[in-house]
């Protein structure tokens, strides 16, 4: 149930973006597993426009906080009819954009097309949000999801994307391609002989690409600038009560003891680093409110975005930083680490380490993405007791890189073998005009 003959596409779409739109429309429900900066927002807007024209019914794009405004700006720039809504009564006849926080106010059955921006939100299988999206989305004929990190740590996370798209349930996916070695229901391993088969199946409903060359197109305009990571270690105080000392094994449980003992020292170091380049835009990432408090004391004039703020105030502050009216921002990856385009910023500070590889990857990629013209410098400030987290993150990064290799190989096979590829696009290799996001 797809669209075999789409209308002429927007002339500014790149060749690989046109191919992605054509592929997804023809399969009806699909995923955009494209790396950061490859224009997922532009593709989403074109998909929505095509579905509206085909069905004469409106489309809905769900986004993280503040990304709705960013999506609306892209729609205006490229001439798409779109509006931001917070309730169903505000919906218009074309593309409607809404934050995930307000989706409970919407009637999904009113739409012909549903697009989940930053769809890694689905990785929380048991979460109410994920289950609500799967259940409510079933009433929408055309469904698409977009993420640069669909399964950063676990292949099983792809199952929820498949379930949302109506491709296959998580249970059936596990039974076909995975094995549980130790009887632990939360630990599943992809069968060795099933690797190629599994990724070929994913490629049958997803476009997988780290660069346009993965889809058979030139990548000359999509080269990342250098990334430099500078580490700064702050000695922590041994806490006799908690037993957290210099040689104690650090875990997610006792990590905060180390973090609290160094919070003032880390905040002071952030102030010193930021003041060395006061004219630069800075993103200062923290994980906890007590870290944000210390940073705010050290840098009282810096705009801060935290969870207790209203959605309106969060969005206002995030947009002020994106527009350049505020030079520095303090916030958490859980709030602003997904979907936002901050290519204007090339200076980043992490006030500590977390065990989440996805958090690290996505937060860095807000600035280090295709379209960034300068070297991105990341300052990583952590307590001496946190150093071993580097090894854990490194292992997760290696698994993610291995997964990307398999994904790219499957994408290459799909583009070569599946007759859904638009031969006109491949023959012409048309290079669109440079979009505004680049």
Foldseek 3Di string as FASTA:
>chain_A
DFDQDFDDFQQQQFLLLVQQLLLQRGVQEFEEQEAPPNCPLSSVLRNQQRQCVVPVAEAEEEEAFLLLVVSVVQCVQRVGDEDEDQAQVPDDRYYYYYYLVRCVRHQLLRGQEYEYEQPLVLLPVPDPSLVVLQVRLVNHRGYYYYHNCQDLFDPLSVQSSCSSRVNDHSVVLCVPFWDDDPPDPVDIDGDPVCLLVSLLSNLSRYQADHACVLLPADRPLFDWAAEAEAEAADAFDQDPVVRDDLPDQDDPVCQVVRCVRCLLVLLLVVLVVCVVPVVAAEEEAEDDVVSVVSNCVSVVVAAEAEDVDDSVVNSVSVVCSQVPVGRYYYYHCVRPLPNAARCSHQEYEYSADDLDLVSVVSNNCSHRGRVNDHHHYYYYYYYSSRVCSVVSSVVSVVVSVVVSVSNSVSSNCCSVPPPSGDVVSVVVSDGRDDRPSD
